[in-house]
Amino acid sequence: MEKVVTFGCRLNIFESEQIKSSLSEANAENVIVFNTCSVTQDAEKQAVKAIKKARKENPDKRIIVTGCAAQIDPKKYSSLPEVDLVLGNTEKFDSKNYKLDSNTPSTIVSDIMEVKETANHLVTSFGEKTRAFVQIQNGCNHRCTFCTIPYGRGNSRSVPIGDIVTQVELLLSKGYKEIVLTGVDVTDYGLDLPGKPTLGEMMKRLLNILPDLKRLRLSSIDVAEIDDTLLKLILSEKRLMPHFHISLQAGDNMILKRMKRRHNREQVIEFCNLVREHRKDAAFGADIIAGFPTETEEMFKNSHKLIQEAKLQYLHVFPYSERDGTPAARMPQVERGLRKRRAKILIEEGKKELEEFSKSHIGKKVSVLTEKNNIGMTENFLKIHIIDKINQNEISEIIISDYIDGKLIGKIA
């Protein structure tokens, strides 16, 4: 089993690489770390199941649990007989905490709301991957009614621009061709920094300083927080990849209001249409919660229709999951089976959009970043199976020739 087992978001993937560095510094050979997620009940259940299985299969190893679920409810995990140590989201980066001995307490978790800055941990490697993640922000200042993430991550904290440039420069020197900027609420970037630089201003400076950075990608965006500089980059900067994952959550305005989101459905459609006017190859993804409390059939249909109206190709759909202590958990609930059925319908609609979008690329020449096993990723995040022999980690021009069994096929142009 791997030393670090990751659940949840891209930021967790990035932070697991940092944890691996901390384990290496501590020479911690006999441990397994579970980096947990608290977004849904299922994510927590999967983590607990994996922890129990790991103990059964590795009776001699020390098991450490960290991440958002552990930060929010450390007692739940420290009470598991399989767990030796629970670390908070700040403590998981300190190598000293992985030097376990008889004096190590069972729980090391501080108050995340007291953390004022995002620690700068330089990550030099992401295994065999050709794209690298760079954390630019952590935490969230908003309090959506369904979400526990601020209690696992704390308030929004931004990484200074100079530190971001240093990290990206290092990764480019290691041969990475694509950089993904990641965080909890990346479009809230900069509010806590001197001069309050916006996300757009930071990205513009990053691209100007590093002309060798050929492919820059955003992990997610909130359409209610897009500044003017960022919008100009989205519409015209060719080095910013035309793939935008929207933190959407629902397509009905009343549900969005009850979620305490800051955008409405019209803003999402307007944003997608505007971007497509300027960048014909743009693709869009979204997170959507199905069966949020009080969601009627008509409200659900508005979310369903929005997938079609905004043409959203890459969907992360989740049945609503109650989180203890959140306002949404006290609202009238939608029956669980109905939540799952609605989620399935939205997933199928997303698949249709992605298939249609994929087929529209047959015959086109696209720029592809090649991965292992002759797989390549286009700028708009389509996966291409390349029939010619091609080196990994190269940016190549590929002609898309066919779409077979749900896969795009291409050859070197």
Protein backbone atom coordinates (compact mmCIF):
# COMPACT_ATOMS: atom_id res chain seq x y z
CA MET A 1 0.00 0.00 0.00
CA GLU A 2 1.11 3.57 -0.70
CA LYS A 3 2.51 5.62 2.13
CA VAL A 4 -0.07 8.36 1.51
CA VAL A 5 -3.68 7.57 0.60
CA THR A 6 -5.59 10.57 -0.76
CA PHE A 7 -9.31 11.34 -0.77
CA GLY A 8 -11.05 14.37 -2.25
CA CYS A 9 -9.98 17.42 -4.22
CA ARG A 10 -7.00 18.49 -6.30
CA LEU A 11 -5.69 20.51 -3.39
CA ASN A 12 -5.55 17.30 -1.35
CA ILE A 13 -3.59 15.67 -4.20
CA PHE A 14 -1.11 18.54 -4.05
CA GLU A 15 -0.88 18.41 -0.27
CA SER A 16 -0.29 14.66 -0.32
CA GLU A 17 2.89 15.37 -2.27
CA GLN A 18 3.90 17.75 0.53
CA ILE A 19 3.13 15.05 3.10
CA LYS A 20 5.39 12.62 1.19
CA SER A 21 8.21 15.19 1.48
CA SER A 22 7.59 15.51 5.23
CA LEU A 23 7.66 11.71 5.62
CA SER A 24 10.95 11.59 3.75
CA GLU A 25 12.45 14.31 5.98
CA ALA A 26 11.35 12.36 9.06
CA ASN A 27 12.64 9.05 7.66
CA ALA A 28 9.21 7.65 8.49
CA GLU A 29 9.27 4.24 6.85
CA ASN A 30 6.67 2.31 8.77
CA VAL A 31 3.60 4.54 8.43
CA ILE A 32 0.54 4.94 6.23
CA VAL A 33 -1.05 8.41 6.08
CA PHE A 34 -4.70 8.93 5.13
CA ASN A 35 -5.38 12.43 3.81
CA THR A 36 -9.16 12.68 4.24
CA CYS A 37 -12.01 14.71 2.74
CA SER A 38 -15.15 16.00 4.45
CA VAL A 39 -17.25 17.11 1.46
CA THR A 40 -19.68 14.18 1.69
CA GLN A 41 -20.60 11.39 4.09
CA ASP A 42 -19.51 8.89 1.42
CA ALA A 43 -16.00 10.39 1.35
CA GLU A 44 -15.70 9.89 5.10
CA LYS A 45 -17.14 6.36 4.96
CA GLN A 46 -14.64 5.42 2.24
CA ALA A 47 -11.79 6.74 4.38
CA VAL A 48 -12.88 4.79 7.47
CA LYS A 49 -13.28 1.62 5.38
CA ALA A 50 -9.82 2.09 3.87
CA ILE A 51 -8.28 2.69 7.32
CA LYS A 52 -9.77 -0.54 8.69
CA LYS A 53 -8.61 -2.48 5.64
CA ALA A 54 -5.09 -1.02 5.91
CA ARG A 55 -4.81 -2.07 9.55
CA LYS A 56 -5.93 -5.60 8.72
CA GLU A 57 -3.42 -5.90 5.87
CA ASN A 58 -0.58 -4.02 7.61
CA PRO A 59 -0.69 -4.89 11.33
CA ASP A 60 2.86 -3.65 11.93
CA LYS A 61 2.48 -0.19 10.38
CA ARG A 62 1.52 3.02 12.19
CA ILE A 63 -1.64 4.63 10.78
CA ILE A 64 -1.91 8.43 10.72
CA VAL A 65 -5.10 10.25 9.72
CA THR A 66 -5.14 13.88 8.59
CA GLY A 67 -7.04 16.14 6.15
CA CYS A 68 -10.33 18.01 6.43
CA ALA A 69 -12.40 15.23 8.05
CA ALA A 70 -9.73 14.76 10.72
CA GLN A 71 -9.46 18.51 11.30
CA ILE A 72 -13.22 18.92 11.76
CA ASP A 73 -13.81 15.84 13.93
CA PRO A 74 -10.49 14.57 15.35
CA LYS A 75 -12.22 12.57 18.11
CA LYS A 76 -14.04 10.44 15.55
CA TYR A 77 -10.73 9.26 14.07
CA SER A 78 -8.66 9.09 17.26
CA SER A 79 -11.34 6.79 18.73
CA LEU A 80 -10.82 4.25 15.93
CA PRO A 81 -8.66 1.41 17.34
CA GLU A 82 -6.85 1.20 13.99
CA VAL A 83 -5.55 4.80 14.21
CA ASP A 84 -2.28 5.69 15.96
CA LEU A 85 -2.25 9.46 15.37
CA VAL A 86 -4.57 12.23 14.11
CA LEU A 87 -2.97 15.36 12.63
CA GLY A 88 -4.69 18.63 11.77
CA ASN A 89 -4.47 20.36 8.40
CA THR A 90 -1.63 22.58 9.61
CA GLU A 91 0.25 19.90 11.52
CA LYS A 92 0.35 17.46 8.60
CA PHE A 93 3.20 19.40 6.95
CA ASP A 94 5.55 19.35 9.95
CA SER A 95 8.04 16.50 9.58
CA LYS A 96 8.53 16.39 13.37
CA ASN A 97 4.97 15.05 13.72
CA TYR A 98 5.89 11.93 11.77
CA LYS A 99 8.71 10.94 14.14
CA LEU A 100 6.50 8.75 16.28
CA ASP A 101 7.64 7.55 19.67
CA SER A 102 6.12 6.66 23.05
CA ASN A 103 5.69 10.35 23.91
CA THR A 104 3.67 11.21 20.79
CA PRO A 105 0.09 12.18 21.70
CA SER A 106 -2.80 10.51 19.87
CA THR A 107 -4.07 13.85 18.49
CA ILE A 108 -2.22 16.97 17.30
CA VAL A 109 -4.85 19.36 15.93
CA SER A 110 -4.82 23.15 16.38
CA ASP A 111 -7.58 25.73 15.79
CA ILE A 112 -7.58 26.18 11.99
CA MET A 113 -9.36 29.55 12.32
CA GLU A 114 -6.25 30.93 14.05
CA VAL A 115 -4.05 30.23 11.01
CA LYS A 116 -3.27 33.48 9.19
CA GLU A 117 -1.12 32.39 6.26
CA THR A 118 -0.64 29.50 3.88
CA ALA A 119 2.64 27.74 4.52
CA ASN A 120 4.91 27.70 1.50
CA HIS A 121 5.99 24.11 0.82
CA LEU A 122 8.00 23.64 -2.36
CA VAL A 123 6.96 20.46 -4.15
CA THR A 124 9.53 19.30 -6.67
CA SER A 125 7.86 16.19 -8.09
CA PHE A 126 4.44 14.76 -8.92
CA GLY A 127 5.50 11.23 -9.77
CA GLU A 128 5.13 10.42 -13.46
CA LYS A 129 2.57 13.15 -14.12
CA THR A 130 3.25 15.73 -16.84
CA ARG A 131 1.29 18.53 -15.15
CA ALA A 132 2.09 19.95 -11.75
CA PHE A 133 -0.18 21.57 -9.17
CA VAL A 134 0.75 24.79 -7.40
CA GLN A 135 -1.19 25.91 -4.35
CA ILE A 136 -1.94 29.63 -4.52
CA GLN A 137 -4.60 29.86 -1.81
CA ASN A 138 -6.22 27.93 1.02
CA GLY A 139 -9.37 28.28 3.11
CA CYS A 140 -12.64 30.07 2.40
CA ASN A 141 -14.28 33.25 3.69
CA HIS A 142 -17.76 32.25 2.50
CA ARG A 143 -20.25 30.19 4.45
CA CYS A 144 -22.38 28.23 2.01
CA THR A 145 -25.19 26.52 3.89
CA PHE A 146 -24.19 22.96 2.90
CA CYS A 147 -20.44 23.21 3.38
CA THR A 148 -18.01 22.32 6.19
CA ILE A 149 -14.82 23.14 4.27
CA PRO A 150 -14.11 26.47 6.07
CA TYR A 151 -14.01 24.51 9.35
CA GLY A 152 -11.50 22.10 7.86
CA ARG A 153 -9.45 24.69 6.01
CA GLY A 154 -9.95 27.96 7.90
CA ASN A 155 -10.43 31.40 6.37
CA SER A 156 -9.01 32.38 2.99
CA ARG A 157 -5.23 32.80 2.91
CA SER A 158 -3.17 33.56 -0.19
CA VAL A 159 0.38 32.62 -1.15
CA PRO A 160 2.49 35.70 -2.01
CA ILE A 161 3.16 36.20 -5.73
CA GLY A 162 6.93 35.83 -5.33
CA ASP A 163 6.53 32.41 -3.71
CA ILE A 164 4.23 31.26 -6.52
CA VAL A 165 6.76 32.39 -9.16
CA THR A 166 9.54 30.52 -7.31
CA GLN A 167 7.47 27.32 -7.15
CA VAL A 168 6.45 27.46 -10.84
CA GLU A 169 10.01 28.26 -11.91
CA LEU A 170 11.28 25.22 -10.00
CA LEU A 171 8.68 22.92 -11.57
CA LEU A 172 9.45 24.21 -15.08
CA SER A 173 13.14 23.48 -14.46
CA LYS A 174 12.12 19.91 -13.56
CA GLY A 175 10.53 19.53 -16.99
CA TYR A 176 6.82 20.00 -16.26
CA LYS A 177 5.01 21.50 -19.25
CA GLU A 178 1.72 22.43 -17.61
CA ILE A 179 0.99 24.16 -14.30
CA VAL A 180 -2.39 23.96 -12.55
CA LEU A 181 -3.14 26.71 -10.02
CA THR A 182 -5.14 25.22 -7.19
CA GLY A 183 -6.77 26.16 -3.89
CA VAL A 184 -10.10 26.08 -2.07
CA ASP A 185 -11.50 29.34 -3.47
CA VAL A 186 -8.87 30.51 -5.96
CA THR A 187 -10.91 33.44 -7.32
CA ASP A 188 -10.81 34.94 -3.81
CA TYR A 189 -7.02 35.16 -4.16
CA GLY A 190 -5.15 38.18 -2.81
CA LEU A 191 -7.64 39.82 -0.44
CA ASP A 192 -5.37 39.15 2.55
CA LEU A 193 -2.10 40.23 0.87
CA PRO A 194 -0.53 43.72 0.90
CA GLY A 195 -2.04 45.76 -1.94
CA LYS A 196 -4.75 43.12 -2.40
CA PRO A 197 -3.61 41.79 -5.81
CA THR A 198 -6.38 39.96 -7.64
CA LEU A 199 -6.13 36.48 -9.14
CA GLY A 200 -5.98 38.05 -12.61
CA GLU A 201 -3.17 40.41 -11.64
CA MET A 202 -1.18 37.57 -10.09
CA MET A 203 -1.61 35.36 -13.18
CA LYS A 204 -0.70 38.19 -15.56
CA ARG A 205 2.51 38.81 -13.61
CA LEU A 206 3.31 35.08 -13.50
CA LEU A 207 2.93 34.75 -17.27
CA ASN A 208 5.02 37.89 -17.91
CA ILE A 209 7.86 36.78 -15.64
CA LEU A 210 7.94 33.21 -16.97
CA PRO A 211 7.74 33.19 -20.80
CA ASP A 212 8.73 29.48 -20.76
CA LEU A 213 5.42 28.65 -19.06
CA LYS A 214 3.46 27.35 -22.07
CA ARG A 215 0.35 25.91 -20.42
CA LEU A 216 -1.33 27.42 -17.36
CA ARG A 217 -4.60 26.01 -16.06
CA LEU A 218 -7.03 27.01 -13.31
CA SER A 219 -8.43 24.24 -11.10
CA SER A 220 -11.76 26.06 -10.62
CA ILE A 221 -13.42 29.48 -10.79
CA ASP A 222 -16.39 31.22 -9.21
CA VAL A 223 -18.14 33.40 -11.81
CA ALA A 224 -19.19 35.86 -9.07
CA GLU A 225 -15.55 36.66 -8.28
CA ILE A 226 -13.92 37.12 -11.70
CA ASP A 227 -11.98 40.42 -11.81
CA ASP A 228 -11.51 42.44 -15.02
CA THR A 229 -7.89 41.39 -15.49
CA LEU A 230 -8.77 37.72 -15.10
CA LEU A 231 -11.63 38.03 -17.58
CA LYS A 232 -9.28 39.59 -20.17
CA LEU A 233 -6.84 36.71 -19.65
CA ILE A 234 -9.61 34.14 -20.02
CA LEU A 235 -10.80 35.73 -23.26
CA SER A 236 -7.44 36.36 -24.92
CA GLU A 237 -4.44 34.68 -23.26
CA LYS A 238 -3.50 31.62 -25.33
CA ARG A 239 -1.23 30.23 -22.61
CA LEU A 240 -4.20 30.03 -20.23
CA MET A 241 -5.88 26.77 -21.14
CA PRO A 242 -9.49 27.09 -22.41
CA HIS A 243 -10.95 24.72 -19.83
CA PHE A 244 -12.82 26.30 -16.93
CA HIS A 245 -14.33 24.36 -14.05
CA ILE A 246 -17.12 26.41 -12.49
CA SER A 247 -18.00 26.18 -8.82
CA LEU A 248 -21.71 26.01 -9.71
CA GLN A 249 -23.55 23.69 -7.24
CA ALA A 250 -27.05 24.24 -8.74
CA GLY A 251 -28.85 25.67 -11.75
CA ASP A 252 -31.93 27.03 -9.98
CA ASN A 253 -31.83 30.56 -8.56
CA MET A 254 -33.89 29.82 -5.46
CA ILE A 255 -31.70 26.83 -4.57
CA LEU A 256 -28.58 28.94 -5.18
CA LYS A 257 -29.99 31.53 -2.78
CA ARG A 258 -30.72 28.87 -0.16
CA MET A 259 -27.19 27.53 -0.64
CA LYS A 260 -25.95 31.09 -0.03
CA ARG A 261 -24.08 31.11 -3.32
CA ARG A 262 -23.09 34.46 -4.84
CA HIS A 263 -24.01 33.86 -8.49
CA ASN A 264 -27.21 33.09 -10.39
CA ARG A 265 -27.85 30.82 -13.37
CA GLU A 266 -27.96 33.75 -15.81
CA GLN A 267 -24.39 34.78 -14.87
CA VAL A 268 -23.13 31.27 -15.57
CA ILE A 269 -24.76 31.13 -19.01
CA GLU A 270 -23.52 34.65 -19.83
CA PHE A 271 -19.96 33.73 -18.81
CA CYS A 272 -19.88 30.54 -20.89
CA ASN A 273 -21.33 32.28 -23.95
CA LEU A 274 -18.91 35.20 -23.67
CA VAL A 275 -15.88 32.93 -23.40
CA ARG A 276 -17.03 30.86 -26.40
CA GLU A 277 -17.40 34.01 -28.49
CA HIS A 278 -13.71 34.73 -28.01
CA ARG A 279 -12.37 31.18 -27.70
CA LYS A 280 -14.29 28.76 -29.90
CA ASP A 281 -12.49 25.74 -28.41
CA ALA A 282 -13.40 26.54 -24.78
CA ALA A 283 -14.74 23.74 -22.57
CA PHE A 284 -16.52 23.99 -19.23
CA GLY A 285 -16.99 21.81 -16.20
CA ALA A 286 -19.02 22.24 -13.03
CA ASP A 287 -19.72 20.87 -9.58
CA ILE A 288 -23.44 20.18 -9.09
CA ILE A 289 -25.30 18.96 -6.01
CA ALA A 290 -28.44 16.94 -6.76
CA GLY A 291 -31.34 16.87 -4.32
CA PHE A 292 -30.40 19.85 -2.17
CA PRO A 293 -32.97 20.41 0.63
CA THR A 294 -36.31 21.88 -0.64
CA GLU A 295 -35.39 21.06 -4.27
CA THR A 296 -38.64 20.53 -6.20
CA GLU A 297 -38.93 18.77 -9.54
CA GLU A 298 -39.06 22.14 -11.30
CA MET A 299 -35.94 23.35 -9.47
CA PHE A 300 -34.13 20.15 -10.42
CA LYS A 301 -35.17 20.63 -14.07
CA ASN A 302 -33.56 24.09 -13.99
CA SER A 303 -30.23 22.46 -13.05
CA HIS A 304 -30.76 19.86 -15.77
CA LYS A 305 -31.50 22.56 -18.36
CA LEU A 306 -28.48 24.63 -17.34
CA ILE A 307 -26.15 21.80 -18.39
CA GLN A 308 -27.63 22.11 -21.88
CA GLU A 309 -27.90 25.91 -21.93
CA ALA A 310 -24.33 26.53 -20.76
CA LYS A 311 -23.04 23.39 -22.56
CA LEU A 312 -21.17 21.96 -19.58
CA GLN A 313 -19.03 18.98 -20.58
CA TYR A 314 -17.08 17.96 -17.48
CA LEU A 315 -19.38 17.41 -14.51
CA HIS A 316 -18.72 16.46 -10.89
CA VAL A 317 -22.21 15.53 -9.67
CA PHE A 318 -22.96 14.55 -6.07
CA PRO A 319 -26.21 13.61 -4.34
CA TYR A 320 -26.67 16.09 -1.49
CA SER A 321 -25.02 14.88 1.72
CA GLU A 322 -26.05 16.23 5.14
CA ARG A 323 -23.20 17.69 7.14
CA ASP A 324 -23.79 18.05 10.88
CA GLY A 325 -23.96 21.63 12.09
CA THR A 326 -24.67 23.18 8.69
CA PRO A 327 -27.84 25.25 8.05
CA ALA A 328 -28.79 23.01 5.10
CA ALA A 329 -28.96 19.95 7.39
CA ARG A 330 -31.82 21.66 9.25
CA MET A 331 -33.83 22.36 6.08
CA PRO A 332 -36.59 20.03 4.75
CA GLN A 333 -34.72 17.13 3.14
CA VAL A 334 -35.21 15.46 -0.23
CA GLU A 335 -35.59 11.67 -0.01
CA ARG A 336 -32.21 9.95 -0.44
CA GLY A 337 -33.27 7.68 -3.29
CA LEU A 338 -34.57 10.69 -5.22
CA ARG A 339 -31.27 12.52 -4.70
CA LYS A 340 -29.41 9.59 -6.27
CA ARG A 341 -31.85 9.32 -9.18
CA ARG A 342 -31.52 13.02 -9.90
CA ALA A 343 -27.73 12.80 -9.70
CA LYS A 344 -27.77 9.96 -12.22
CA ILE A 345 -29.85 12.02 -14.65
CA LEU A 346 -27.42 14.96 -14.42
CA ILE A 347 -24.43 12.65 -14.91
CA GLU A 348 -26.01 11.20 -18.06
CA GLU A 349 -26.71 14.69 -19.42
CA GLY A 350 -23.07 15.61 -18.83
CA LYS A 351 -21.95 12.50 -20.71
CA LYS A 352 -24.11 13.51 -23.69
CA GLU A 353 -22.58 16.99 -23.74
CA LEU A 354 -19.05 15.56 -23.52
CA GLU A 355 -19.70 13.05 -26.32
CA GLU A 356 -21.11 15.75 -28.59
CA PHE A 357 -18.19 18.06 -27.77
CA SER A 358 -15.69 15.25 -28.39
CA LYS A 359 -17.16 14.32 -31.77
CA SER A 360 -17.07 17.96 -32.87
CA HIS A 361 -13.26 17.71 -32.78
CA ILE A 362 -12.97 14.92 -35.39
CA GLY A 363 -10.79 16.18 -38.23
CA LYS A 364 -9.32 19.03 -36.19
CA LYS A 365 -5.66 19.62 -35.41
CA VAL A 366 -5.10 20.13 -31.68
CA SER A 367 -2.18 20.81 -29.37
CA VAL A 368 -1.69 17.87 -27.03
CA LEU A 369 0.46 17.31 -23.94
CA THR A 370 1.44 13.64 -24.07
CA GLU A 371 1.26 11.39 -21.03
CA LYS A 372 2.26 7.75 -20.66
CA ASN A 373 0.81 4.91 -22.79
CA ASN A 374 0.33 7.21 -25.81
CA ILE A 375 -2.41 9.24 -24.11
CA GLY A 376 -2.50 12.99 -24.65
CA MET A 377 -4.51 15.85 -23.14
CA THR A 378 -5.74 18.71 -25.29
CA GLU A 379 -5.78 22.30 -24.11
CA ASN A 380 -9.52 21.98 -23.46
CA PHE A 381 -8.99 18.79 -21.44
CA LEU A 382 -10.06 16.16 -23.97
CA LYS A 383 -8.22 12.86 -23.68
CA ILE A 384 -6.75 11.59 -26.97
CA HIS A 385 -5.51 8.05 -27.69
CA ILE A 386 -2.57 8.56 -30.07
CA ILE A 387 -1.97 5.73 -32.52
CA ASP A 388 1.63 6.77 -33.36
CA LYS A 389 4.57 6.10 -31.07
CA ILE A 390 5.18 9.34 -29.19
CA ASN A 391 7.38 10.47 -26.30
CA GLN A 392 5.89 11.28 -22.93
CA ASN A 393 5.77 14.89 -21.70
CA GLU A 394 5.88 16.52 -25.13
CA ILE A 395 3.56 19.14 -26.58
CA SER A 396 2.64 17.88 -30.05
CA GLU A 397 0.25 18.73 -32.88
CA ILE A 398 -2.26 15.89 -33.29
CA ILE A 399 -4.97 15.31 -35.89
CA ILE A 400 -8.11 13.79 -34.34
CA SER A 401 -9.21 11.08 -36.73
CA ASP A 402 -12.04 9.19 -35.02
CA TYR A 403 -14.27 8.62 -31.98
CA ILE A 404 -14.57 4.92 -31.10
CA ASP A 405 -16.19 3.38 -28.01
CA GLY A 406 -16.20 6.70 -26.17
CA LYS A 407 -12.56 7.47 -27.04
CA LEU A 408 -11.03 10.07 -29.34
CA ILE A 409 -8.33 8.68 -31.63
CA GLY A 410 -5.54 10.83 -33.05
CA LYS A 411 -2.29 10.71 -35.00
CA ILE A 412 0.73 12.99 -35.28
CA ALA A 413 0.02 15.89 -37.63
